[in-house]
Amino acid sequence: MPLDLALYPVPGRVTALNQRYKHHSATDVLSHALQDADLGRVALVSSFGAESVVLLHLVSVLAPETPVIFVDTRLLFKETLDYQLELADRLNLTDVRTIRANRERLNFEDPDNTLHLYNTDSCCNIRKVEPLERALAPFDGWITGRKRFQNSERGTLDFFENEGDRRIKVNPLAHWGREDLEEYLVNNNLPRHPLVAKGYPSIGCAPCTSPVKPGEDPRAGRWRGQGKTECGIHFVDGRPVRSPSGGAL
């Protein structure tokens, strides 16, 4: 019998899950998220970006019918759109859901596609945050590909997070390093995003993503020079989701 999740508040479940899986592998954490009733309905949210294929492949092996939510902001690189179609077919992902911003809202707020030039937060909110929130409404949790090494703000990332006391966010690869990703890519002969070879270790929308120089932070090319490091989907009430220790994730 499925659990009545309303009787088990999210903060308590997150604490218990992190304690239980503290020393487990990414596969164990992902398998739990996909199969255990105490997490309810779970979807994978993927940007189909530079490192996305690793988590997508893991899901395809464990449960290829898992809903995969892909946010098409209408400002993505063509390479990303082509890569998304290639991976969905190659990995036999059977429930990929491409979501987009409401066209009428876009026409009103950003009729000439220049909002990103003077208000990137509003642009991200309209094109990514709002559509994703609508898509996640039926789900009790969602799986992300975030990792601790990606930037300092993710340095204390846990496997499980409380998202506003309403959903659980699952980060199976939180403790993986760049070398772990590379080894997995090679061992499983997985195709890489074509822009990686051109100096893009982190890939978002085309107008707000630039190549990264050797020695720079992998996310230095995202919103370069703007003091912005996140699009907003990992924020609650306008703030970065925080771990129990208080570190920004």
Protein backbone atom coordinates (compact mmCIF):
# COMPACT_ATOMS: atom_id res chain seq x y z
CA MET A 1 0.00 0.00 0.00
CA PRO A 2 1.49 3.41 -0.96
CA LEU A 3 2.43 5.68 1.89
CA ASP A 4 0.28 8.70 2.64
CA LEU A 5 3.09 11.20 2.15
CA ALA A 6 1.03 13.94 3.79
CA LEU A 7 1.56 12.11 7.09
CA TYR A 8 5.35 12.20 6.68
CA PRO A 9 6.63 15.81 6.44
CA VAL A 10 9.39 16.46 3.91
CA PRO A 11 12.02 17.78 6.39
CA GLY A 12 11.90 14.62 8.48
CA ARG A 13 12.05 12.34 5.48
CA VAL A 14 15.01 14.25 4.01
CA THR A 15 16.96 13.99 7.27
CA ALA A 16 16.26 10.27 7.52
CA LEU A 17 17.18 9.62 3.89
CA ASN A 18 20.48 11.48 4.13
CA GLN A 19 21.39 9.56 7.26
CA ARG A 20 20.40 6.22 5.75
CA TYR A 21 22.28 6.76 2.49
CA LYS A 22 25.21 8.72 3.83
CA HIS A 23 27.79 6.15 2.73
CA HIS A 24 25.97 4.67 -0.25
CA SER A 25 26.78 4.90 -3.94
CA ALA A 26 25.11 7.04 -6.55
CA THR A 27 23.42 3.95 -7.97
CA ASP A 28 21.95 3.05 -4.57
CA VAL A 29 20.62 6.57 -4.11
CA LEU A 30 19.16 6.71 -7.61
CA SER A 31 17.61 3.26 -7.30
CA HIS A 32 15.98 4.32 -4.06
CA ALA A 33 14.59 7.48 -5.63
CA LEU A 34 13.13 5.55 -8.55
CA GLN A 35 11.63 2.62 -6.66
CA ASP A 36 10.79 3.44 -3.04
CA ALA A 37 7.29 4.52 -2.12
CA ASP A 38 8.40 6.97 0.54
CA LEU A 39 9.57 9.36 -2.19
CA GLY A 40 6.32 9.16 -4.13
CA ARG A 41 6.24 10.12 -7.81
CA VAL A 42 9.68 11.20 -9.04
CA ALA A 43 10.89 12.72 -12.31
CA LEU A 44 14.37 13.40 -13.65
CA VAL A 45 14.99 16.99 -14.72
CA SER A 46 17.75 17.20 -17.32
CA SER A 47 19.27 20.05 -19.29
CA PHE A 48 20.86 17.55 -21.73
CA GLY A 49 24.00 19.57 -21.12
CA ALA A 50 27.69 18.81 -20.83
CA GLU A 51 27.49 16.12 -18.12
CA SER A 52 23.83 15.11 -18.39
CA VAL A 53 24.41 11.86 -20.28
CA VAL A 54 25.85 10.14 -17.19
CA LEU A 55 22.70 10.48 -15.10
CA LEU A 56 20.46 9.87 -18.11
CA HIS A 57 22.32 6.62 -18.82
CA LEU A 58 22.01 5.49 -15.20
CA VAL A 59 18.27 6.13 -15.31
CA SER A 60 17.95 4.33 -18.64
CA VAL A 61 19.53 1.23 -17.09
CA LEU A 62 17.49 1.28 -13.89
CA ALA A 63 14.11 2.52 -15.15
CA PRO A 64 13.92 3.86 -18.73
CA GLU A 65 10.22 4.68 -18.25
CA THR A 66 11.10 7.40 -15.70
CA PRO A 67 9.62 10.76 -16.72
CA VAL A 68 12.42 13.02 -17.99
CA ILE A 69 11.62 16.73 -18.02
CA PHE A 70 13.55 18.87 -20.50
CA VAL A 71 13.06 22.64 -20.40
CA ASP A 72 13.41 24.17 -23.85
CA THR A 73 13.84 27.88 -23.12
CA ARG A 74 13.65 28.68 -26.85
CA LEU A 75 17.13 30.17 -26.48
CA LEU A 76 19.13 26.94 -26.34
CA PHE A 77 22.01 26.07 -28.65
CA LYS A 78 20.96 24.05 -31.69
CA GLU A 79 23.59 21.54 -30.60
CA THR A 80 21.70 21.00 -27.34
CA LEU A 81 18.39 20.39 -29.12
CA ASP A 82 20.03 17.90 -31.49
CA TYR A 83 21.84 16.20 -28.60
CA GLN A 84 18.57 15.83 -26.68
CA LEU A 85 16.97 13.97 -29.56
CA GLU A 86 20.05 11.79 -30.03
CA LEU A 87 20.25 10.76 -26.37
CA ALA A 88 16.52 10.10 -25.99
CA ASP A 89 16.69 7.71 -28.93
CA ARG A 90 20.01 6.08 -28.11
CA LEU A 91 19.18 5.49 -24.43
CA ASN A 92 15.61 4.42 -25.18
CA LEU A 93 14.13 6.93 -22.75
CA THR A 94 10.41 6.37 -23.21
CA ASP A 95 8.90 9.39 -21.42
CA VAL A 96 10.83 12.57 -22.30
CA ARG A 97 8.65 15.64 -21.74
CA THR A 98 9.79 18.84 -23.45
CA ILE A 99 8.30 21.88 -21.77
CA ARG A 100 8.38 25.52 -22.79
CA ALA A 101 7.29 28.90 -21.52
CA ASN A 102 3.78 30.11 -22.18
CA ARG A 103 3.96 31.78 -25.60
CA GLU A 104 1.56 34.60 -24.68
CA ARG A 105 3.59 35.42 -21.57
CA LEU A 106 6.79 35.46 -23.62
CA ASN A 107 5.25 37.71 -26.24
CA PHE A 108 4.26 40.16 -23.53
CA GLU A 109 7.39 40.06 -21.35
CA ASP A 110 10.06 39.47 -23.98
CA PRO A 111 8.67 40.15 -27.46
CA ASP A 112 12.06 40.74 -29.07
CA ASN A 113 14.10 38.14 -27.11
CA THR A 114 16.27 40.78 -25.44
CA LEU A 115 15.16 40.44 -21.80
CA HIS A 116 18.36 38.52 -21.03
CA LEU A 117 20.39 41.63 -21.87
CA TYR A 118 19.08 43.68 -18.96
CA ASN A 119 17.31 41.29 -16.56
CA THR A 120 18.65 37.76 -16.65
CA ASP A 121 16.76 36.72 -13.51
CA SER A 122 13.41 37.62 -15.07
CA CYS A 123 14.38 35.88 -18.29
CA CYS A 124 15.31 32.69 -16.44
CA ASN A 125 12.13 32.89 -14.38
CA ILE A 126 9.83 33.17 -17.39
CA ARG A 127 11.62 30.70 -19.62
CA LYS A 128 12.75 28.06 -17.13
CA VAL A 129 11.58 28.39 -13.52
CA GLU A 130 7.86 28.87 -14.17
CA PRO A 131 7.52 26.13 -16.82
CA LEU A 132 9.44 23.68 -14.65
CA GLU A 133 7.30 24.43 -11.61
CA ARG A 134 4.19 23.64 -13.63
CA ALA A 135 5.73 20.42 -14.95
CA LEU A 136 6.76 19.28 -11.45
CA ALA A 137 3.33 19.91 -9.91
CA PRO A 138 2.25 16.23 -10.11
CA PHE A 139 5.50 14.95 -8.60
CA ASP A 140 6.64 14.44 -5.00
CA GLY A 141 10.33 14.68 -5.86
CA TRP A 142 12.79 15.29 -8.67
CA ILE A 143 16.26 14.09 -9.59
CA THR A 144 19.04 16.51 -10.55
CA GLY A 145 22.58 16.12 -11.85
CA ARG A 146 24.17 18.66 -9.49
CA LYS A 147 27.56 17.88 -7.98
CA ARG A 148 29.66 19.38 -5.19
CA PHE A 149 32.66 20.12 -7.40
CA GLN A 150 30.74 22.33 -9.83
CA ASN A 151 31.12 25.51 -7.80
CA SER A 152 31.60 26.73 -4.24
CA GLU A 153 27.87 27.26 -3.72
CA ARG A 154 27.30 23.52 -4.20
CA GLY A 155 30.15 22.46 -1.93
CA THR A 156 27.95 20.99 0.82
CA LEU A 157 25.38 19.35 -1.43
CA ASP A 158 23.58 16.35 0.10
CA PHE A 159 21.95 13.41 -1.66
CA PHE A 160 18.50 14.55 -0.57
CA GLU A 161 17.22 18.12 -0.11
CA ASN A 162 14.06 19.67 1.22
CA GLU A 163 12.50 21.92 -1.41
CA GLY A 164 10.24 24.28 0.45
CA ASP A 165 8.66 21.53 2.60
CA ARG A 166 6.74 20.31 -0.45
CA ARG A 167 9.10 18.17 -2.53
CA ILE A 168 12.30 16.19 -2.14
CA LYS A 169 15.18 16.96 -4.46
CA VAL A 170 17.54 14.04 -5.16
CA ASN A 171 21.20 14.56 -6.16
CA PRO A 172 22.63 11.05 -6.81
CA LEU A 173 25.92 12.36 -8.22
CA ALA A 174 26.54 14.89 -5.42
CA HIS A 175 29.82 13.27 -4.37
CA TRP A 176 31.15 12.43 -7.83
CA GLY A 177 34.22 14.27 -9.10
CA ARG A 178 35.15 15.16 -12.64
CA GLU A 179 37.31 12.04 -12.87
CA ASP A 180 34.33 9.83 -11.94
CA LEU A 181 32.27 11.34 -14.74
CA GLU A 182 35.07 10.91 -17.25
CA GLU A 183 35.58 7.27 -16.27
CA TYR A 184 31.87 6.55 -16.60
CA LEU A 185 31.67 8.25 -19.99
CA VAL A 186 34.59 6.24 -21.34
CA ASN A 187 33.57 2.90 -19.84
CA ASN A 188 30.06 3.17 -21.24
CA ASN A 189 31.06 4.72 -24.57
CA LEU A 190 28.62 7.57 -24.16
CA PRO A 191 28.33 10.44 -26.66
CA ARG A 192 29.42 13.85 -25.42
CA HIS A 193 27.68 17.14 -25.99
CA PRO A 194 29.34 18.57 -29.13
CA LEU A 195 30.03 21.93 -27.45
CA VAL A 196 32.26 20.37 -24.76
CA ALA A 197 35.07 19.99 -27.30
CA LYS A 198 34.71 23.71 -28.07
CA GLY A 199 35.39 24.83 -24.51
CA TYR A 200 31.93 24.69 -22.92
CA PRO A 201 32.10 22.55 -19.74
CA SER A 202 28.74 23.96 -18.59
CA ILE A 203 26.02 24.71 -21.12
CA GLY A 204 22.91 26.81 -20.75
CA CYS A 205 21.13 29.20 -23.10
CA ALA A 206 23.12 30.41 -26.08
CA PRO A 207 23.03 34.17 -25.31
CA CYS A 208 24.23 33.66 -21.72
CA THR A 209 26.88 30.94 -22.17
CA SER A 210 30.47 31.46 -23.29
CA PRO A 211 33.54 29.23 -23.56
CA VAL A 212 35.67 28.72 -20.45
CA LYS A 213 39.40 29.29 -20.41
CA PRO A 214 41.84 26.74 -18.91
CA GLY A 215 41.97 27.12 -15.13
CA GLU A 216 38.62 28.89 -14.86
CA ASP A 217 35.70 27.59 -12.81
CA PRO A 218 33.70 25.19 -15.02
CA ARG A 219 30.64 27.45 -14.65
CA ALA A 220 32.55 30.69 -15.34
CA GLY A 221 30.99 30.84 -18.78
CA ARG A 222 27.45 31.01 -17.41
CA TRP A 223 26.21 34.61 -17.17
CA ARG A 224 29.82 35.78 -17.38
CA GLY A 225 30.55 39.00 -15.53
CA GLN A 226 27.10 39.24 -13.96
CA GLY A 227 27.69 37.71 -10.53
CA LYS A 228 24.99 35.14 -11.29
CA THR A 229 25.67 31.42 -10.86
CA GLU A 230 22.23 29.76 -10.89
CA CYS A 231 19.20 30.04 -13.15
CA GLY A 232 16.79 29.90 -10.22
CA ILE A 233 15.35 26.39 -10.41
CA HIS A 234 17.39 25.47 -7.33
CA PHE A 235 16.03 28.42 -5.35
CA VAL A 236 13.16 28.45 -2.87
CA ASP A 237 11.46 31.79 -2.23
CA GLY A 238 14.23 33.49 -4.19
CA ARG A 239 17.06 31.95 -2.17
CA PRO A 240 19.44 29.07 -2.91
CA VAL A 241 18.30 25.80 -1.35
CA ARG A 242 20.42 25.19 1.74
CA SER A 243 21.73 22.07 3.35
CA PRO A 244 21.06 21.25 7.01
CA SER A 245 24.50 22.69 7.81
CA GLY A 246 23.46 26.02 6.34
CA GLY A 247 25.69 25.95 3.26
CA ALA A 248 24.23 27.27 0.05
CA LEU A 249 23.65 24.59 -2.54
